[in-house]
Amino acid sequence: MASIIKAMQQDQQHTAQPFDLIVVGAGIIGLATAYRALEQGLKVMVIERNSRPVGASIQNFGHACFTGQADELQAMVAKSREGWASASKDAGFWAAQPGTLIPATSEVEMSVLEEFADHRGVEQVTLLSPGEVEQRLGHNHLKPVGGALLPLDMRVNPREAAPKLAQWLEAQGVIFQWNTTLRSTADGVVDTSRGQWEAQRVVVCPGVNLSYLMPEIAQAEQVRSCTLSMALVERPEHIASDFCMLSGTSLARYDGFSAMASVPELRRELQQREPELVECIANLMVTAIPEGLLVGDSHDYHDSPTPFIEESIATLLQNKAAAYLGVKGLRVKQRWQGTYADSPATNLVIHRPDQKTLVAVVASGIGMTLSFGLAAHILSEC
């Protein structure tokens, strides 16, 4: 009873205090915004309907694929890269820059990588010989024709980064209202299941929950849910503990790569060579975390997705990954369905319902990549 009374007293105390900024949503976009605001000396509150980060920010690969993004996003991802490095040092979570390996298993895939290297330059793309790819893979079974390394990309452990960042922010004085549901917000007044708070600025980062929090914005921007088939598998001994790999399907998906002239030919080749991967809209990739290797992923789009994972798709991704890794099979430790916000119309939803409110949603699978760069943009806009 005493703890309940204390919590109520704290809620009442915080309710009476105006904030410089209230952030709704403790996913990586919301947390990065709170981090950037704290850098500016602002008094910040974060409101989150769960008791900890459990959404897309912990369900993904933890891969910040800066290099693969479109040219027009390169300034933003450069700021994001700086933010990840700074936040990891402050909050004490692992962030590494091992680079992203992309083995080319066909001449067309290699052509895309060569075009991309010519376009971006040696600072962003290092072309690799077949032998160099095999050395980084730790085996010689794949028989690549070449490949590339993206040295500026970063990696975090998605199961650690957002939770540790939230803990650190709270220790620095950011007020967190966990288990608190947003009802409405307008003109700096935020109405929740625990009462009302006021702020000079309000940033709403609801991710996939935009569809029920602000359905009119979701409808206007064609926001829907994207579900992914994901798995954690045991890491073979020859695979490095900081391993990160994209594949030919990634070259056809990420906007930076897909702008290259050879990509239409690559898509035709993938349709003939890997029809099952194309059918499940796969972005075959593998990243290492201390618990093993994260393997995925397929993509399915719906406004109300089913919770079921197709075993045929999960097995397909697992087997294709095993071939790249040079093993006959992979032992699965966990499976889950990841979910994030997506839109066929835009990668980024930014709305200003009123002078004091800004709504920000990354409507694609690049939230971890944009995060801290987007947060800087958000604070400059609101």
Protein backbone atom coordinates (compact mmCIF):
# COMPACT_ATOMS: atom_id res chain seq x y z
CA MET A 1 0.00 0.00 0.00
CA ALA A 2 2.83 2.39 0.88
CA SER A 3 4.44 1.87 -2.54
CA ILE A 4 1.13 2.57 -4.30
CA ILE A 5 0.64 5.79 -2.33
CA LYS A 6 4.23 6.84 -3.10
CA ALA A 7 3.70 6.20 -6.83
CA MET A 8 0.49 8.25 -6.76
CA GLN A 9 2.28 11.10 -4.99
CA GLN A 10 5.09 11.00 -7.56
CA ASP A 11 2.54 11.08 -10.40
CA GLN A 12 0.84 14.10 -8.83
CA GLN A 13 4.18 15.83 -8.33
CA HIS A 14 5.23 15.27 -11.95
CA THR A 15 1.78 16.32 -13.19
CA ALA A 16 2.25 19.71 -11.56
CA GLN A 17 5.65 20.24 -13.19
CA PRO A 18 5.82 21.56 -16.77
CA PHE A 19 8.40 19.85 -18.98
CA ASP A 20 10.44 21.20 -21.85
CA LEU A 21 9.72 18.03 -23.81
CA ILE A 22 7.45 15.03 -23.46
CA VAL A 23 8.28 12.02 -25.63
CA VAL A 24 5.58 9.40 -26.17
CA GLY A 25 7.09 5.99 -26.92
CA ALA A 26 10.23 4.34 -25.52
CA GLY A 27 11.31 2.62 -28.71
CA ILE A 28 14.66 3.61 -30.15
CA ILE A 29 13.27 6.72 -31.91
CA GLY A 30 11.70 8.00 -28.70
CA LEU A 31 14.75 7.15 -26.61
CA ALA A 32 17.12 8.76 -29.12
CA THR A 33 14.96 11.90 -29.05
CA ALA A 34 15.11 11.95 -25.25
CA TYR A 35 18.90 11.48 -25.44
CA ARG A 36 19.35 14.36 -27.88
CA ALA A 37 17.07 16.55 -25.73
CA LEU A 38 19.10 15.73 -22.63
CA GLU A 39 22.23 16.82 -24.52
CA GLN A 40 20.52 20.19 -24.95
CA GLY A 41 19.81 20.46 -21.23
CA LEU A 42 16.06 20.02 -21.59
CA LYS A 43 13.76 18.70 -18.88
CA VAL A 44 12.29 15.53 -20.40
CA MET A 45 9.56 13.01 -19.67
CA VAL A 46 9.08 9.75 -21.59
CA ILE A 47 5.68 8.03 -21.60
CA GLU A 48 5.52 4.34 -22.54
CA ARG A 49 2.57 1.95 -22.40
CA ASN A 50 4.76 -1.08 -21.56
CA SER A 51 7.00 -1.58 -18.53
CA ARG A 52 10.15 -1.72 -20.71
CA PRO A 53 11.13 -1.58 -24.41
CA VAL A 54 9.60 -4.67 -26.06
CA GLY A 55 8.76 -3.56 -29.61
CA ALA A 56 10.59 -3.36 -32.92
CA SER A 57 13.71 -1.95 -31.25
CA ILE A 58 14.51 -5.28 -29.57
CA GLN A 59 13.02 -7.57 -32.22
CA ASN A 60 15.44 -6.69 -35.02
CA PHE A 61 19.04 -7.36 -36.07
CA GLY A 62 20.67 -4.44 -34.27
CA HIS A 63 22.25 -3.55 -37.59
CA ALA A 64 22.78 0.12 -38.40
CA CYS A 65 23.10 -0.11 -42.18
CA PHE A 66 24.15 3.49 -42.79
CA THR A 67 25.87 2.87 -46.11
CA GLY A 68 22.95 1.10 -47.78
CA GLN A 69 20.56 4.02 -47.35
CA ALA A 70 19.63 6.45 -50.10
CA ASP A 71 21.95 9.31 -50.97
CA GLU A 72 19.52 11.89 -49.59
CA LEU A 73 19.63 10.22 -46.15
CA GLN A 74 23.42 10.18 -45.83
CA ALA A 75 23.59 13.40 -43.80
CA MET A 76 21.01 12.02 -41.37
CA VAL A 77 22.69 8.64 -41.00
CA ALA A 78 26.05 10.32 -40.37
CA LYS A 79 24.46 12.08 -37.38
CA SER A 80 22.90 8.78 -36.34
CA ARG A 81 26.28 7.06 -36.43
CA GLU A 82 27.76 9.76 -34.18
CA GLY A 83 24.77 9.42 -31.84
CA TRP A 84 25.10 5.65 -31.52
CA ALA A 85 28.80 5.98 -30.69
CA SER A 86 28.11 8.65 -28.07
CA ALA A 87 25.09 6.92 -26.51
CA SER A 88 26.82 3.55 -26.29
CA LYS A 89 29.72 5.14 -24.43
CA ASP A 90 27.39 7.00 -22.06
CA ALA A 91 24.92 4.18 -21.41
CA GLY A 92 27.47 1.37 -21.44
CA PHE A 93 26.03 -0.87 -24.14
CA TRP A 94 28.02 -2.65 -26.83
CA ALA A 95 28.37 -0.91 -30.19
CA ALA A 96 30.91 -2.10 -32.74
CA GLN A 97 32.05 -1.23 -36.22
CA PRO A 98 33.10 -4.57 -37.73
CA GLY A 99 31.70 -3.58 -41.10
CA THR A 100 29.03 -5.33 -43.14
CA LEU A 101 30.08 -8.22 -45.38
CA ILE A 102 28.21 -8.71 -48.66
CA PRO A 103 29.29 -11.88 -50.52
CA ALA A 104 28.49 -11.78 -54.23
CA THR A 105 27.30 -15.18 -55.42
CA SER A 106 26.78 -14.12 -59.05
CA GLU A 107 28.36 -11.77 -61.58
CA VAL A 108 25.25 -9.58 -61.48
CA GLU A 109 25.50 -9.15 -57.70
CA MET A 110 29.16 -8.22 -58.15
CA SER A 111 28.22 -5.68 -60.82
CA VAL A 112 25.85 -3.97 -58.38
CA LEU A 113 28.59 -3.83 -55.75
CA GLU A 114 31.11 -2.43 -58.24
CA GLU A 115 28.66 0.25 -59.34
CA PHE A 116 27.91 1.11 -55.73
CA ALA A 117 31.62 1.32 -54.90
CA ASP A 118 32.18 3.68 -57.84
CA HIS A 119 29.23 5.79 -56.68
CA ARG A 120 30.11 6.04 -52.98
CA GLY A 121 33.90 5.74 -52.97
CA VAL A 122 36.48 3.76 -51.04
CA GLU A 123 35.64 5.32 -47.67
CA GLN A 124 32.22 3.68 -47.73
CA VAL A 125 32.77 0.54 -49.83
CA THR A 126 35.72 -1.86 -49.99
CA LEU A 127 35.52 -4.39 -52.82
CA LEU A 128 36.73 -7.88 -51.92
CA SER A 129 38.20 -10.74 -53.92
CA PRO A 130 36.69 -14.24 -53.67
CA GLY A 131 39.52 -15.26 -51.35
CA GLU A 132 38.97 -12.25 -49.08
CA VAL A 133 35.26 -13.07 -48.82
CA GLU A 134 36.05 -16.69 -47.95
CA GLN A 135 38.49 -15.51 -45.29
CA ARG A 136 35.81 -13.34 -43.67
CA LEU A 137 33.25 -16.16 -43.90
CA GLY A 138 35.68 -18.61 -42.35
CA HIS A 139 35.08 -21.31 -44.99
CA ASN A 140 35.44 -22.00 -48.74
CA HIS A 141 32.14 -23.74 -49.51
CA LEU A 142 30.15 -20.77 -50.87
CA LYS A 143 32.35 -20.12 -53.94
CA PRO A 144 31.67 -16.36 -54.18
CA VAL A 145 32.71 -14.38 -57.24
CA GLY A 146 33.73 -11.50 -54.97
CA GLY A 147 32.04 -9.20 -52.52
CA ALA A 148 32.24 -5.99 -50.55
CA LEU A 149 32.74 -4.68 -47.04
CA LEU A 150 30.87 -1.62 -45.76
CA PRO A 151 33.29 -0.37 -43.05
CA LEU A 152 31.16 2.48 -41.67
CA ASP A 153 28.16 0.38 -40.65
CA MET A 154 27.66 -0.30 -36.95
CA ARG A 155 26.24 -3.06 -34.80
CA VAL A 156 24.51 -3.12 -31.43
CA ASN A 157 22.84 -5.91 -29.50
CA PRO A 158 19.13 -5.08 -29.96
CA ARG A 159 18.22 -6.93 -26.78
CA GLU A 160 20.52 -4.66 -24.78
CA ALA A 161 20.74 -1.25 -26.46
CA ALA A 162 17.27 0.25 -25.91
CA PRO A 163 16.81 -1.12 -22.36
CA LYS A 164 20.25 0.12 -21.25
CA LEU A 165 19.71 3.50 -22.87
CA ALA A 166 16.39 3.87 -21.03
CA GLN A 167 18.03 2.95 -17.72
CA TRP A 168 20.81 5.47 -18.27
CA LEU A 169 18.39 8.25 -19.25
CA GLU A 170 16.37 7.60 -16.12
CA ALA A 171 19.54 7.77 -14.02
CA GLN A 172 20.33 11.16 -15.59
CA GLY A 173 16.99 12.60 -14.48
CA VAL A 174 14.71 11.88 -17.42
CA ILE A 175 11.29 11.04 -15.96
CA PHE A 176 9.80 7.78 -17.27
CA GLN A 177 6.12 6.95 -16.95
CA TRP A 178 6.00 3.23 -17.71
CA ASN A 179 2.73 1.29 -18.10
CA THR A 180 1.07 4.52 -19.17
CA THR A 181 -1.17 4.80 -22.22
CA LEU A 182 -1.56 7.94 -24.30
CA ARG A 183 -5.17 9.01 -24.76
CA SER A 184 -4.67 12.26 -26.62
CA THR A 185 -2.29 15.18 -26.98
CA ALA A 186 -2.87 18.71 -28.21
CA ASP A 187 -1.18 22.09 -27.71
CA GLY A 188 1.32 20.73 -25.21
CA VAL A 189 -1.21 18.92 -23.00
CA VAL A 190 -0.74 15.15 -22.86
CA ASP A 191 -3.69 13.14 -21.53
CA THR A 192 -2.85 9.61 -20.37
CA SER A 193 -4.19 6.74 -18.31
CA ARG A 194 -2.27 8.20 -15.34
CA GLY A 195 -3.32 11.82 -15.71
CA GLN A 196 -2.26 14.88 -17.65
CA TRP A 197 1.12 16.52 -18.16
CA GLU A 198 2.16 19.69 -19.95
CA ALA A 199 5.24 20.48 -22.00
CA GLN A 200 6.54 23.15 -24.31
CA ARG A 201 6.93 20.46 -26.98
CA VAL A 202 5.52 16.98 -27.44
CA VAL A 203 7.04 14.34 -29.73
CA VAL A 204 4.96 11.22 -30.38
CA CYS A 205 6.97 8.19 -31.58
CA PRO A 206 4.38 5.39 -31.61
CA GLY A 207 5.87 3.14 -34.27
CA VAL A 208 3.37 0.53 -35.40
CA ASN A 209 0.86 1.82 -32.83
CA LEU A 210 0.23 4.92 -34.95
CA SER A 211 -2.70 3.10 -36.56
CA TYR A 212 -4.81 3.18 -33.40
CA LEU A 213 -3.37 6.25 -31.67
CA MET A 214 -3.75 8.56 -34.66
CA PRO A 215 -5.65 6.62 -37.34
CA GLU A 216 -6.20 9.66 -39.55
CA ILE A 217 -2.43 10.16 -39.95
CA ALA A 218 -1.88 6.44 -40.47
CA GLN A 219 -4.54 6.37 -43.18
CA ALA A 220 -3.19 9.45 -44.93
CA GLU A 221 0.34 7.99 -44.99
CA GLN A 222 -0.81 4.40 -45.77
CA VAL A 223 0.88 3.08 -42.62
CA ARG A 224 0.45 -0.65 -42.02
CA SER A 225 2.20 -3.41 -40.09
CA CYS A 226 5.10 -5.40 -41.49
CA THR A 227 5.71 -8.77 -39.82
CA LEU A 228 8.99 -10.67 -40.03
CA SER A 229 10.06 -14.26 -39.48
CA MET A 230 13.10 -14.12 -37.19
CA ALA A 231 15.28 -16.69 -35.45
CA LEU A 232 18.18 -16.93 -33.03
CA VAL A 233 20.52 -19.81 -33.88
CA GLU A 234 23.73 -21.16 -32.42
CA ARG A 235 26.83 -19.52 -33.89
CA PRO A 236 29.16 -21.97 -35.68
CA GLU A 237 32.69 -21.84 -34.28
CA HIS A 238 34.23 -20.48 -37.48
CA ILE A 239 31.89 -17.46 -37.59
CA ALA A 240 33.25 -14.31 -35.93
CA SER A 241 31.53 -13.03 -32.79
CA ASP A 242 30.92 -9.63 -34.45
CA PHE A 243 29.78 -11.09 -37.79
CA CYS A 244 27.34 -9.15 -39.95
CA MET A 245 26.26 -10.17 -43.45
CA LEU A 246 23.86 -8.98 -46.12
CA SER A 247 23.03 -10.88 -49.32
CA GLY A 248 21.89 -10.35 -52.89
CA THR A 249 18.32 -9.88 -51.67
CA SER A 250 19.56 -6.92 -49.60
CA LEU A 251 21.01 -5.29 -52.72
CA ALA A 252 17.56 -5.40 -54.29
CA ARG A 253 15.89 -3.95 -51.18
CA TYR A 254 17.89 -1.09 -49.61
CA ASP A 255 17.44 2.21 -51.44
CA GLY A 256 21.14 3.01 -51.72
CA PHE A 257 21.95 -0.24 -53.51
CA SER A 258 18.71 -0.46 -55.48
CA ALA A 259 19.43 2.83 -57.25
CA MET A 260 22.26 1.14 -59.17
CA ALA A 261 21.82 0.44 -62.87
CA SER A 262 22.29 -3.35 -62.59
CA VAL A 263 19.57 -3.87 -59.97
CA PRO A 264 16.71 -4.54 -62.44
CA GLU A 265 18.82 -7.35 -63.90
CA LEU A 266 19.56 -8.58 -60.37
CA ARG A 267 15.85 -8.70 -59.56
CA ARG A 268 15.20 -10.78 -62.68
CA GLU A 269 18.03 -13.11 -61.71
CA LEU A 270 16.74 -13.49 -58.14
CA GLN A 271 13.28 -14.28 -59.46
CA GLN A 272 14.74 -17.17 -61.47
CA ARG A 273 17.43 -18.31 -59.01
CA GLU A 274 15.68 -17.73 -55.66
CA PRO A 275 11.91 -17.65 -56.35
CA GLU A 276 11.03 -18.73 -52.80
CA LEU A 277 13.02 -15.88 -51.27
CA VAL A 278 11.42 -13.42 -53.67
CA GLU A 279 7.94 -14.75 -52.90
CA CYS A 280 8.32 -14.18 -49.14
CA ILE A 281 9.94 -10.77 -49.80
CA ALA A 282 13.12 -11.87 -48.03
CA ASN A 283 16.04 -9.75 -46.99
CA LEU A 284 18.39 -12.59 -46.10
CA MET A 285 20.88 -11.40 -43.50
CA VAL A 286 22.77 -12.63 -40.45
CA THR A 287 24.15 -10.74 -37.46
CA ALA A 288 25.94 -12.00 -34.37
CA ILE A 289 25.03 -11.20 -30.77
CA PRO A 290 26.42 -12.84 -27.60
CA GLU A 291 23.52 -15.31 -27.55
CA GLY A 292 24.16 -16.56 -31.11
CA LEU A 293 23.27 -15.48 -34.65
CA LEU A 294 20.16 -13.54 -35.62
CA VAL A 295 18.81 -14.91 -38.91
CA GLY A 296 16.03 -13.49 -41.07
CA ASP A 297 13.93 -12.12 -42.48
CA SER A 298 10.76 -12.33 -44.52
CA HIS A 299 8.21 -9.53 -44.90
CA ASP A 300 4.42 -9.65 -44.84
CA TYR A 301 2.22 -6.54 -44.91
CA HIS A 302 -1.23 -6.06 -43.43
CA ASP A 303 -3.19 -3.55 -41.33
CA SER A 304 -4.06 -6.37 -38.89
CA PRO A 305 -1.46 -9.15 -39.32
CA THR A 306 -1.90 -12.67 -38.02
CA PRO A 307 0.51 -13.79 -35.27
CA PHE A 308 1.48 -17.04 -36.98
CA ILE A 309 4.92 -17.90 -38.39
CA GLU A 310 4.96 -20.13 -41.47
CA GLU A 311 7.42 -22.94 -40.73
CA SER A 312 8.21 -23.29 -44.43
CA ILE A 313 9.41 -19.67 -44.54
CA ALA A 314 11.34 -19.97 -41.28
CA THR A 315 13.05 -23.13 -42.54
CA LEU A 316 13.81 -21.53 -45.92
CA LEU A 317 15.59 -18.59 -44.29
CA GLN A 318 17.47 -20.90 -41.94
CA ASN A 319 18.66 -23.16 -44.77
CA LYS A 320 19.70 -20.28 -47.03
CA ALA A 321 21.65 -18.72 -44.17
CA ALA A 322 23.33 -22.06 -43.44
CA ALA A 323 24.57 -22.20 -47.04
CA TYR A 324 26.21 -18.78 -46.71
CA LEU A 325 27.72 -19.78 -43.38
CA GLY A 326 29.14 -23.02 -44.79
CA VAL A 327 27.27 -25.47 -42.55
CA LYS A 328 24.71 -28.19 -43.25
CA GLY A 329 22.25 -26.90 -40.70
CA LEU A 330 21.72 -24.44 -37.86
CA ARG A 331 20.34 -25.21 -34.41
CA VAL A 332 17.48 -22.86 -33.63
CA LYS A 333 17.33 -21.48 -30.09
CA GLN A 334 14.40 -19.07 -30.50
CA ARG A 335 11.84 -18.00 -33.09
CA TRP A 336 9.64 -14.92 -33.02
CA GLN A 337 7.59 -12.65 -35.21
CA GLY A 338 8.99 -9.15 -35.44
CA THR A 339 6.72 -6.22 -36.26
CA TYR A 340 7.37 -2.68 -37.42
CA ALA A 341 5.49 0.17 -39.09
CA ASP A 342 5.65 0.29 -42.87
CA SER A 343 4.25 2.40 -45.67
CA PRO A 344 4.43 1.87 -49.43
CA ALA A 345 4.32 5.66 -49.81
CA THR A 346 7.19 6.83 -47.59
CA ASN A 347 10.04 5.70 -45.35
CA LEU A 348 9.45 8.51 -42.89
CA VAL A 349 6.22 9.95 -41.47
CA ILE A 350 6.53 13.44 -39.96
CA HIS A 351 3.33 15.28 -39.01
CA ARG A 352 2.61 18.48 -37.09
CA PRO A 353 -0.95 18.21 -35.69
CA ASP A 354 -0.43 21.53 -33.89
CA GLN A 355 2.31 24.03 -33.04
CA LYS A 356 3.54 22.06 -30.02
CA THR A 357 3.14 18.48 -31.28
CA LEU A 358 5.23 16.48 -33.74
CA VAL A 359 4.53 12.88 -34.74
CA ALA A 360 7.47 10.84 -36.07
CA VAL A 361 7.39 7.27 -37.37
CA VAL A 362 10.00 5.41 -39.40
CA ALA A 363 7.74 3.56 -41.83
CA SER A 364 10.24 0.93 -42.94
CA GLY A 365 12.82 -1.36 -41.39
CA ILE A 366 15.50 1.30 -40.87
CA GLY A 367 14.53 2.71 -37.47
CA MET A 368 17.77 1.62 -35.77
CA THR A 369 19.74 3.10 -38.67
CA LEU A 370 18.05 6.52 -38.66
CA SER A 371 17.36 6.83 -34.90
CA PHE A 372 19.81 9.41 -33.52
CA GLY A 373 20.01 11.32 -36.80
CA LEU A 374 16.23 11.48 -37.01
CA ALA A 375 16.09 12.57 -33.36
CA ALA A 376 18.33 15.55 -34.12
CA HIS A 377 16.06 16.44 -37.05
CA ILE A 378 12.95 16.11 -34.87
CA LEU A 379 14.27 18.53 -32.25
CA SER A 380 15.26 21.04 -34.91
CA GLU A 381 11.75 20.92 -36.37
CA CYS A 382 9.58 21.09 -33.25
